[in-house]
PDB file of N, CA and C in Angstrom:
ATOM      1  N   ILE A   1      49.734 -32.317  48.448  1.00  0.00           N
ATOM      2  CA  ILE A   1      50.738 -32.004  49.301  1.00  0.00           C
ATOM      3  C   ILE A   1      50.281 -31.690  50.729  1.00  0.00           C
ATOM      4  N   LEU A   2      49.193 -30.894  50.925  1.00  0.00           N
ATOM      5  CA  LEU A   2      48.658 -30.595  52.162  1.00  0.00           C
ATOM      6  C   LEU A   2      48.280 -31.713  53.013  1.00  0.00           C
ATOM      7  N   ALA A   3      47.740 -32.786  52.248  1.00  0.00           N
ATOM      8  CA  ALA A   3      47.102 -33.872  53.012  1.00  0.00           C
ATOM      9  C   ALA A   3      48.211 -34.634  53.707  1.00  0.00           C
ATOM     10  N   ARG A   4      49.421 -34.689  53.203  1.00  0.00           N
ATOM     11  CA  ARG A   4      50.573 -35.291  53.813  1.00  0.00           C
ATOM     12  C   ARG A   4      51.062 -34.558  55.002  1.00  0.00           C
ATOM     13  N   THR A   5      50.600 -33.311  55.239  1.00  0.00           N
ATOM     14  CA  THR A   5      51.177 -32.647  56.354  1.00  0.00           C
ATOM     15  C   THR A   5      50.185 -32.526  57.534  1.00  0.00           C
ATOM     16  N   VAL A   6      48.935 -32.881  57.332  1.00  0.00           N
ATOM     17  CA  VAL A   6      47.912 -32.860  58.131  1.00  0.00           C
ATOM     18  C   VAL A   6      47.905 -33.991  59.183  1.00  0.00           C
ATOM     19  N   GLY A   7      48.031 -33.801  60.454  1.00  0.00           N
ATOM     20  CA  GLY A   7      47.995 -34.804  61.428  1.00  0.00           C
ATOM     21  C   GLY A   7      48.152 -34.194  62.718  1.00  0.00           C
ATOM     22  N   VAL A   8      48.418 -35.145  63.748  1.00  0.00           N
ATOM     23  CA  VAL A   8      48.600 -34.595  65.195  1.00  0.00           C
ATOM     24  C   VAL A   8      50.102 -34.735  65.424  1.00  0.00           C
ATOM     25  N   ALA A   9      50.597 -33.531  65.757  1.00  0.00           N
ATOM     26  CA  ALA A   9      52.172 -33.584  66.013  1.00  0.00           C
ATOM     27  C   ALA A   9      52.387 -34.403  67.345  1.00  0.00           C
ATOM     28  N   SER A  10      53.530 -35.106  67.273  1.00  0.00           N
ATOM     29  CA  SER A  10      53.929 -35.730  68.408  1.00  0.00           C
ATOM     30  C   SER A  10      54.841 -34.858  69.159  1.00  0.00           C
ATOM     31  N   GLU A  11      55.149 -35.138  70.384  1.00  0.00           N
ATOM     32  CA  GLU A  11      56.036 -34.367  71.132  1.00  0.00           C
ATOM     33  C   GLU A  11      57.339 -34.052  70.314  1.00  0.00           C
ATOM     34  N   GLY A  12      57.601 -32.889  70.094  1.00  0.00           N
ATOM     35  CA  GLY A  12      58.901 -32.489  69.342  1.00  0.00           C
ATOM     36  C   GLY A  12      58.788 -32.767  67.802  1.00  0.00           C
ATOM     37  N   GLY A  13      57.597 -33.091  67.423  1.00  0.00           N
ATOM     38  CA  GLY A  13      57.330 -33.499  65.931  1.00  0.00           C
ATOM     39  C   GLY A  13      57.044 -32.116  65.146  1.00  0.00           C
ATOM     40  N   ASP A  14      56.917 -32.327  63.759  1.00  0.00           N
ATOM     41  CA  ASP A  14      56.798 -31.164  62.972  1.00  0.00           C
ATOM     42  C   ASP A  14      55.274 -31.069  62.283  1.00  0.00           C
ATOM     43  N   GLY A  15      54.404 -31.954  62.665  1.00  0.00           N
ATOM     44  CA  GLY A  15      53.155 -32.042  62.175  1.00  0.00           C
ATOM     45  C   GLY A  15      52.340 -30.785  62.538  1.00  0.00           C
ATOM     46  N   VAL A  16      51.091 -30.731  61.890  1.00  0.00           N
ATOM     47  CA  VAL A  16      50.152 -29.799  62.032  1.00  0.00           C
ATOM     48  C   VAL A  16      49.162 -30.256  63.190  1.00  0.00           C
ATOM     49  N   VAL A  17      48.883 -29.516  64.168  1.00  0.00           N
ATOM     50  CA  VAL A  17      48.026 -29.977  65.111  1.00  0.00           C
ATOM     51  C   VAL A  17      46.598 -29.402  64.839  1.00  0.00           C
ATOM     52  N   VAL A  18      45.755 -30.412  64.887  1.00  0.00           N
ATOM     53  CA  VAL A  18      44.200 -30.084  64.756  1.00  0.00           C
ATOM     54  C   VAL A  18      43.529 -30.427  66.064  1.00  0.00           C
ATOM     55  N   THR A  19      42.569 -29.640  66.430  1.00  0.00           N
ATOM     56  CA  THR A  19      41.963 -29.902  67.700  1.00  0.00           C
ATOM     57  C   THR A  19      40.511 -30.461  67.572  1.00  0.00           C
ATOM     58  N   SER A  20      39.963 -30.725  66.468  1.00  0.00           N
ATOM     59  CA  SER A  20      38.855 -31.407  66.284  1.00  0.00           C
ATOM     60  C   SER A  20      38.670 -32.175  64.971  1.00  0.00           C
ATOM     61  N   GLU A  21      37.632 -33.093  64.958  1.00  0.00           N
ATOM     62  CA  GLU A  21      37.353 -33.829  63.768  1.00  0.00           C
ATOM     63  C   GLU A  21      37.055 -32.950  62.725  1.00  0.00           C
ATOM     64  N   ARG A  22      36.223 -31.902  63.052  1.00  0.00           N
ATOM     65  CA  ARG A  22      35.757 -31.059  61.985  1.00  0.00           C
ATOM     66  C   ARG A  22      36.842 -30.405  61.298  1.00  0.00           C
ATOM     67  N   GLN A  23      37.968 -29.900  62.091  1.00  0.00           N
ATOM     68  CA  GLN A  23      39.113 -29.212  61.463  1.00  0.00           C
ATOM     69  C   GLN A  23      39.839 -30.202  60.468  1.00  0.00           C
ATOM     70  N   ARG A  24      40.018 -31.557  60.962  1.00  0.00           N
ATOM     71  CA  ARG A  24      40.583 -32.368  60.258  1.00  0.00           C
ATOM     72  C   ARG A  24      39.905 -32.609  58.873  1.00  0.00           C
ATOM     73  N   ALA A  25      38.525 -32.804  58.973  1.00  0.00           N
ATOM     74  CA  ALA A  25      37.788 -33.079  57.765  1.00  0.00           C
ATOM     75  C   ALA A  25      37.848 -31.927  56.827  1.00  0.00           C
ATOM     76  N   LEU A  26      37.900 -30.704  57.420  1.00  0.00           N
ATOM     77  CA  LEU A  26      37.939 -29.443  56.479  1.00  0.00           C
ATOM     78  C   LEU A  26      39.353 -29.393  55.712  1.00  0.00           C
ATOM     79  N   LEU A  27      40.436 -29.749  56.510  1.00  0.00           N
ATOM     80  CA  LEU A  27      41.776 -29.774  55.923  1.00  0.00           C
ATOM     81  C   LEU A  27      41.948 -30.752  54.877  1.00  0.00           C
ATOM     82  N   GLN A  28      41.208 -31.921  55.173  1.00  0.00           N
ATOM     83  CA  GLN A  28      41.285 -33.059  54.294  1.00  0.00           C
ATOM     84  C   GLN A  28      40.510 -32.706  52.869  1.00  0.00           C
ATOM     85  N   ARG A  29      39.476 -31.950  53.090  1.00  0.00           N
ATOM     86  CA  ARG A  29      38.627 -31.631  51.933  1.00  0.00           C
ATOM     87  C   ARG A  29      39.308 -30.596  51.054  1.00  0.00           C
ATOM     88  N   ALA A  30      40.022 -29.600  51.791  1.00  0.00           N
ATOM     89  CA  ALA A  30      40.701 -28.526  51.038  1.00  0.00           C
ATOM     90  C   ALA A  30      41.900 -29.217  50.331  1.00  0.00           C
ATOM     91  N   ALA A  31      42.593 -30.159  50.961  1.00  0.00           N
ATOM     92  CA  ALA A  31      43.634 -30.868  50.254  1.00  0.00           C
ATOM     93  C   ALA A  31      43.242 -31.619  49.075  1.00  0.00           C
ATOM     94  N   ALA A  32      42.182 -32.446  49.246  1.00  0.00           N
ATOM     95  CA  ALA A  32      41.660 -33.156  48.161  1.00  0.00           C
ATOM     96  C   ALA A  32      41.227 -32.263  47.000  1.00  0.00           C
ATOM     97  N   ARG A  33      40.564 -31.231  47.153  1.00  0.00           N
ATOM     98  CA  ARG A  33      40.140 -30.279  46.036  1.00  0.00           C
ATOM     99  C   ARG A  33      41.309 -29.654  45.432  1.00  0.00           C
ATOM    100  N   ALA A  34      42.407 -29.259  46.207  1.00  0.00           N
ATOM    101  CA  ALA A  34      43.515 -28.721  45.675  1.00  0.00           C
ATOM    102  C   ALA A  34      44.320 -29.779  44.861  1.00  0.00           C
ATOM    103  N   ASP A  35      44.393 -30.968  45.304  1.00  0.00           N
ATOM    104  CA  ASP A  35      45.019 -31.957  44.506  1.00  0.00           C
ATOM    105  C   ASP A  35      44.196 -32.174  43.135  1.00  0.00           C
ATOM    106  N   ALA A  36      42.911 -32.205  43.265  1.00  0.00           N
ATOM    107  CA  ALA A  36      42.127 -32.454  42.026  1.00  0.00           C
ATOM    108  C   ALA A  36      42.209 -31.142  41.106  1.00  0.00           C
ATOM    109  N   ALA A  37      42.438 -30.146  41.493  1.00  0.00           N
ATOM    110  CA  ALA A  37      42.594 -28.905  40.752  1.00  0.00           C
ATOM    111  C   ALA A  37      44.095 -29.019  40.006  1.00  0.00           C
ATOM    112  N   SER A  38      45.023 -29.527  40.705  1.00  0.00           N
ATOM    113  CA  SER A  38      46.492 -29.641  40.198  1.00  0.00           C
ATOM    114  C   SER A  38      46.379 -30.828  39.070  1.00  0.00           C
ATOM    115  N   THR A  39      45.664 -31.799  39.501  1.00  0.00           N
ATOM    116  CA  THR A  39      45.614 -32.905  38.465  1.00  0.00           C
ATOM    117  C   THR A  39      44.962 -32.501  37.279  1.00  0.00           C
ATOM    118  N   LEU A  40      43.732 -31.718  37.301  1.00  0.00           N
ATOM    119  CA  LEU A  40      43.025 -31.310  36.258  1.00  0.00           C
ATOM    120  C   LEU A  40      43.893 -30.255  35.408  1.00  0.00           C
ATOM    121  N   ALA A  41      44.558 -29.341  36.078  1.00  0.00           N
ATOM    122  CA  ALA A  41      45.456 -28.384  35.274  1.00  0.00           C
ATOM    123  C   ALA A  41      46.559 -29.104  34.617  1.00  0.00           C
ATOM    124  N   ALA A  42      47.126 -30.153  35.257  1.00  0.00           N
ATOM    125  CA  ALA A  42      48.321 -30.781  34.592  1.00  0.00           C
ATOM    126  C   ALA A  42      47.842 -31.577  33.353  1.00  0.00           C
ATOM    127  N   ALA A  43      46.559 -32.088  33.412  1.00  0.00           N
ATOM    128  CA  ALA A  43      45.904 -32.719  32.277  1.00  0.00           C
ATOM    129  C   ALA A  43      45.380 -31.863  31.145  1.00  0.00           C
ATOM    130  N   GLY A  44      45.440 -30.536  31.341  1.00  0.00           N
ATOM    131  CA  GLY A  44      45.169 -29.446  30.464  1.00  0.00           C
ATOM    132  C   GLY A  44      43.625 -29.287  30.391  1.00  0.00           C
ATOM    133  N   ALA A  45      42.943 -29.501  31.459  1.00  0.00           N
ATOM    134  CA  ALA A  45      41.551 -29.369  31.588  1.00  0.00           C
ATOM    135  C   ALA A  45      41.117 -27.869  31.436  1.00  0.00           C
ATOM    136  N   ALA A  46      39.836 -27.720  31.167  1.00  0.00           N
ATOM    137  CA  ALA A  46      39.394 -26.205  31.004  1.00  0.00           C
ATOM    138  C   ALA A  46      39.686 -25.491  32.366  1.00  0.00           C
ATOM    139  N   PRO A  47      40.083 -24.304  32.210  1.00  0.00           N
ATOM    140  CA  PRO A  47      40.235 -23.444  33.417  1.00  0.00           C
ATOM    141  C   PRO A  47      39.012 -23.364  34.403  1.00  0.00           C
ATOM    142  N   GLU A  48      37.814 -23.516  33.714  1.00  0.00           N
ATOM    143  CA  GLU A  48      36.571 -23.444  34.638  1.00  0.00           C
ATOM    144  C   GLU A  48      36.516 -24.784  35.500  1.00  0.00           C
ATOM    145  N   LEU A  49      36.963 -25.930  35.026  1.00  0.00           N
ATOM    146  CA  LEU A  49      36.927 -26.962  35.956  1.00  0.00           C
ATOM    147  C   LEU A  49      37.867 -26.893  37.072  1.00  0.00           C
ATOM    148  N   VAL A  50      39.025 -26.290  36.689  1.00  0.00           N
ATOM    149  CA  VAL A  50      40.101 -26.290  37.673  1.00  0.00           C
ATOM    150  C   VAL A  50      39.580 -25.115  38.758  1.00  0.00           C
ATOM    151  N   ALA A  51      38.980 -24.145  38.305  1.00  0.00           N
ATOM    152  CA  ALA A  51      38.441 -23.170  39.194  1.00  0.00           C
ATOM    153  C   ALA A  51      37.386 -23.764  40.049  1.00  0.00           C
ATOM    154  N   VAL A  52      36.486 -24.601  39.666  1.00  0.00           N
ATOM    155  CA  VAL A  52      35.557 -25.179  40.698  1.00  0.00           C
ATOM    156  C   VAL A  52      36.204 -25.795  41.774  1.00  0.00           C
ATOM    157  N   GLU A  53      37.355 -26.536  41.477  1.00  0.00           N
ATOM    158  CA  GLU A  53      37.926 -27.382  42.513  1.00  0.00           C
ATOM    159  C   GLU A  53      38.574 -26.408  43.454  1.00  0.00           C
ATOM    160  N   LEU A  54      39.241 -25.342  42.971  1.00  0.00           N
ATOM    161  CA  LEU A  54      39.847 -24.396  43.695  1.00  0.00           C
ATOM    162  C   LEU A  54      38.930 -23.601  44.675  1.00  0.00           C
ATOM    163  N   ARG A  55      37.712 -23.254  44.007  1.00  0.00           N
ATOM    164  CA  ARG A  55      36.714 -22.583  44.806  1.00  0.00           C
ATOM    165  C   ARG A  55      36.281 -23.495  46.017  1.00  0.00           C
ATOM    166  N   ASP A  56      36.206 -24.853  45.787  1.00  0.00           N
ATOM    167  CA  ASP A  56      35.757 -25.618  47.003  1.00  0.00           C
ATOM    168  C   ASP A  56      36.768 -25.765  47.994  1.00  0.00           C
ATOM    169  N   ALA A  57      38.086 -25.708  47.504  1.00  0.00           N
ATOM    170  CA  ALA A  57      39.191 -25.684  48.553  1.00  0.00           C
ATOM    171  C   ALA A  57      39.237 -24.377  49.210  1.00  0.00           C
ATOM    172  N   VAL A  58      39.055 -23.382  48.740  1.00  0.00           N
ATOM    173  CA  VAL A  58      38.968 -22.014  49.442  1.00  0.00           C
ATOM    174  C   VAL A  58      37.826 -22.067  50.341  1.00  0.00           C
ATOM    175  N   SER A  59      36.679 -22.535  49.945  1.00  0.00           N
ATOM    176  CA  SER A  59      35.457 -22.602  50.834  1.00  0.00           C
ATOM    177  C   SER A  59      35.784 -23.426  52.030  1.00  0.00           C
ATOM    178  N   ALA A  60      36.539 -24.545  51.955  1.00  0.00           N
ATOM    179  CA  ALA A  60      36.897 -25.263  53.128  1.00  0.00           C
ATOM    180  C   ALA A  60      37.684 -24.448  54.066  1.00  0.00           C
ATOM    181  N   PHE A  61      38.737 -23.808  53.516  1.00  0.00           N
ATOM    182  CA  PHE A  61      39.506 -22.849  54.359  1.00  0.00           C
ATOM    183  C   PHE A  61      38.745 -21.863  54.977  1.00  0.00           C
ATOM    184  N   ASP A  62      37.760 -21.145  54.217  1.00  0.00           N
ATOM    185  CA  ASP A  62      36.823 -20.102  54.856  1.00  0.00           C
ATOM    186  C   ASP A  62      36.120 -20.732  56.017  1.00  0.00           C
ATOM    187  N   GLU A  63      35.533 -21.946  55.816  1.00  0.00           N
ATOM    188  CA  GLU A  63      34.832 -22.463  56.951  1.00  0.00           C
ATOM    189  C   GLU A  63      35.809 -22.739  58.106  1.00  0.00           C
ATOM    190  N   LEU A  64      36.939 -23.285  57.858  1.00  0.00           N
ATOM    191  CA  LEU A  64      37.872 -23.615  58.952  1.00  0.00           C
ATOM    192  C   LEU A  64      38.265 -22.257  59.710  1.00  0.00           C
ATOM    193  N   LEU A  65      38.419 -21.217  59.054  1.00  0.00           N
ATOM    194  CA  LEU A  65      38.828 -19.911  59.571  1.00  0.00           C
ATOM    195  C   LEU A  65      37.740 -19.051  60.154  1.00  0.00           C
ATOM    196  N   GLY A  66      36.447 -19.614  60.009  1.00  0.00           N
ATOM    197  CA  GLY A  66      35.236 -18.822  60.529  1.00  0.00           C
ATOM    198  C   GLY A  66      34.830 -17.848  59.572  1.00  0.00           C
ATOM    199  N   ASP A  67      35.393 -17.666  58.416  1.00  0.00           N
ATOM    200  CA  ASP A  67      34.727 -16.698  57.380  1.00  0.00           C
ATOM    201  C   ASP A  67      33.485 -17.089  56.835  1.00  0.00           C
ATOM    202  N   ARG A  68      33.181 -18.340  56.886  1.00  0.00           N
ATOM    203  CA  ARG A  68      31.807 -18.782  56.480  1.00  0.00           C
ATOM    204  C   ARG A  68      31.444 -19.922  57.451  1.00  0.00           C
ATOM    205  N   VAL A  69      30.195 -19.761  57.999  1.00  0.00           N
ATOM    206  CA  VAL A  69      29.730 -20.548  59.066  1.00  0.00           C
ATOM    207  C   VAL A  69      28.541 -21.553  58.362  1.00  0.00           C
ATOM    208  N   ASP A  70      28.714 -22.736  58.488  1.00  0.00           N
ATOM    209  CA  ASP A  70      27.743 -23.711  57.984  1.00  0.00           C
ATOM    210  C   ASP A  70      26.655 -23.914  58.908  1.00  0.00           C
ATOM    211  N   ALA A  71      25.352 -24.038  58.592  1.00  0.00           N
ATOM    212  CA  ALA A  71      24.357 -24.351  59.385  1.00  0.00           C
ATOM    213  C   ALA A  71      24.633 -25.565  60.496  1.00  0.00           C
ATOM    214  N   ASP A  72      25.271 -26.479  59.947  1.00  0.00           N
ATOM    215  CA  ASP A  72      25.638 -27.671  60.859  1.00  0.00           C
ATOM    216  C   ASP A  72      26.562 -27.146  62.021  1.00  0.00           C
ATOM    217  N   VAL A  73      27.452 -26.298  61.805  1.00  0.00           N
ATOM    218  CA  VAL A  73      28.366 -25.704  62.863  1.00  0.00           C
ATOM    219  C   VAL A  73      27.455 -24.931  63.799  1.00  0.00           C
ATOM    220  N   LEU A  74      26.525 -24.216  63.372  1.00  0.00           N
ATOM    221  CA  LEU A  74      25.523 -23.439  64.279  1.00  0.00           C
ATOM    222  C   LEU A  74      24.798 -24.387  65.232  1.00  0.00           C
ATOM    223  N   ASP A  75      24.222 -25.585  64.609  1.00  0.00           N
ATOM    224  CA  ASP A  75      23.581 -26.587  65.306  1.00  0.00           C
ATOM    225  C   ASP A  75      24.380 -27.149  66.425  1.00  0.00           C
ATOM    226  N   VAL A  76      25.683 -27.423  66.226  1.00  0.00           N
ATOM    227  CA  VAL A  76      26.502 -27.961  67.236  1.00  0.00           C
ATOM    228  C   VAL A  76      26.803 -26.900  68.277  1.00  0.00           C
ATOM    229  N   LEU A  77      26.992 -25.688  67.827  1.00  0.00           N
ATOM    230  CA  LEU A  77      27.221 -24.603  68.906  1.00  0.00           C
ATOM    231  C   LEU A  77      25.967 -24.600  69.746  1.00  0.00           C
ATOM    232  N   PHE A  78      24.882 -24.564  69.350  1.00  0.00           N
ATOM    233  CA  PHE A  78      23.609 -24.338  70.058  1.00  0.00           C
ATOM    234  C   PHE A  78      23.380 -25.667  70.977  1.00  0.00           C
ATOM    235  N   ALA A  79      23.809 -26.858  70.475  1.00  0.00           N
ATOM    236  CA  ALA A  79      23.648 -27.987  71.121  1.00  0.00           C
ATOM    237  C   ALA A  79      24.641 -28.109  72.332  1.00  0.00           C
ATOM    238  N   ARG A  80      25.872 -27.775  72.104  1.00  0.00           N
ATOM    239  CA  ARG A  80      26.861 -27.910  73.186  1.00  0.00           C
ATOM    240  C   ARG A  80      26.955 -26.816  74.096  1.00  0.00           C
ATOM    241  N   PHE A  81      26.642 -25.611  73.747  1.00  0.00           N
ATOM    242  CA  PHE A  81      26.854 -24.503  74.585  1.00  0.00           C
ATOM    243  C   PHE A  81      25.458 -23.921  75.023  1.00  0.00           C
ATOM    244  N   CYS A  82      25.364 -23.398  76.210  1.00  0.00           N
ATOM    245  CA  CYS A  82      24.134 -22.613  76.582  1.00  0.00           C
ATOM    246  C   CYS A  82      24.406 -21.291  76.095  1.00  0.00           C
ATOM    247  N   ILE A  83      23.668 -20.720  75.210  1.00  0.00           N
ATOM    248  CA  ILE A  83      23.854 -19.398  74.767  1.00  0.00           C
ATOM    249  C   ILE A  83      22.599 -18.696  75.310  1.00  0.00           C
ATOM    250  N   GLY A  84      22.869 -17.431  75.822  1.00  0.00           N
ATOM    251  CA  GLY A  84      21.747 -16.608  76.476  1.00  0.00           C
ATOM    252  C   GLY A  84      20.501 -16.355  75.512  1.00  0.00           C
ATOM    253  N   LYS A  85      19.535 -16.219  76.181  1.00  0.00           N
ATOM    254  CA  LYS A  85      18.344 -15.716  75.261  1.00  0.00           C
ATOM    255  C   LYS A  85      18.128 -14.464  75.235  1.00  0.00           C
TER     256      LYS A  85
END
């Protein structure tokens, strides 16, 4: 469901605006994991398998919201911005 709403809104459009490739990738990862969890649950898979997919979806949202910072993000920040010593 989420994957169908992610995109760049045109003028007057109803889409979700993302400002970077990183944000788009994280939203797509969250959507894919949520869809996988839904598929597993509908198929009667073990709750533990569903939880793994949901945990990865939440992790993507955490990274998007800045609650978890990946080392790659820190590398980009230090490469793009002059941070005082």
